[in-house]
Protein backbone atom coordinates (compact mmCIF):
# COMPACT_ATOMS: atom_id res chain seq x y z
CA MET A 1 -19.96 -11.38 -1.05
CA MET A 2 -20.85 -9.93 -4.84
CA GLY A 3 -18.38 -7.87 -6.32
CA LYS A 4 -19.68 -4.96 -8.30
CA ASN A 5 -20.72 -5.68 -12.32
CA TYR A 6 -18.67 -4.08 -14.70
CA SER A 7 -19.99 -3.88 -18.44
CA ASP A 8 -18.04 -5.59 -21.17
CA ASP A 9 -17.31 -2.15 -22.83
CA PHE A 10 -15.95 -0.91 -19.50
CA LYS A 11 -13.58 -4.35 -19.32
CA LYS A 12 -12.62 -3.90 -22.85
CA THR A 13 -11.76 -0.16 -22.29
CA VAL A 14 -9.73 -1.11 -19.42
CA VAL A 15 -8.01 -4.15 -21.23
CA ASP A 16 -6.97 -2.16 -24.59
CA LEU A 17 -5.59 0.53 -22.33
CA TYR A 18 -3.38 -2.00 -20.72
CA HIS A 19 -2.37 -3.63 -24.19
CA SER A 20 -1.56 -0.05 -25.19
CA GLY A 21 0.96 0.04 -22.15
CA THR A 22 -0.82 1.33 -19.00
CA SER A 23 0.11 -0.01 -16.08
CA VAL A 24 -2.71 -2.18 -13.64
CA LYS A 25 -1.79 0.23 -10.98
CA ASP A 26 -2.62 3.17 -13.02
CA LEU A 27 -5.89 1.90 -14.30
CA SER A 28 -6.72 0.63 -10.97
CA SER A 29 -6.36 3.75 -9.70
CA GLU A 30 -8.15 5.38 -12.52
CA TYR A 31 -10.99 3.49 -12.94
CA GLY A 32 -11.70 2.46 -9.20
CA VAL A 33 -11.16 -1.25 -10.11
CA THR A 34 -9.08 -3.64 -8.03
CA GLU A 35 -5.60 -4.92 -9.53
CA VAL A 36 -6.79 -8.40 -8.86
CA THR A 37 -10.11 -7.97 -10.87
CA ILE A 38 -7.81 -5.88 -13.77
CA TYR A 39 -5.77 -9.21 -13.79
CA LYS A 40 -8.60 -11.62 -14.10
CA TRP A 41 -9.76 -9.62 -17.40
CA ILE A 42 -6.31 -9.70 -19.09
C-alpha cells in the first residue's frame, strides 16, 4: 500500500516546527501526518 506523497516544502515546514519545539504528537494532529512518518523525516 502506497502512502501519501508530501511535498519537500511541507516536510521542511513540519521538521522546522519540530525543531522549534512543537511535539510530534501536536504536529501529527495539526497536519494529519502520522507520528511514524514525522519521525522518518526528522
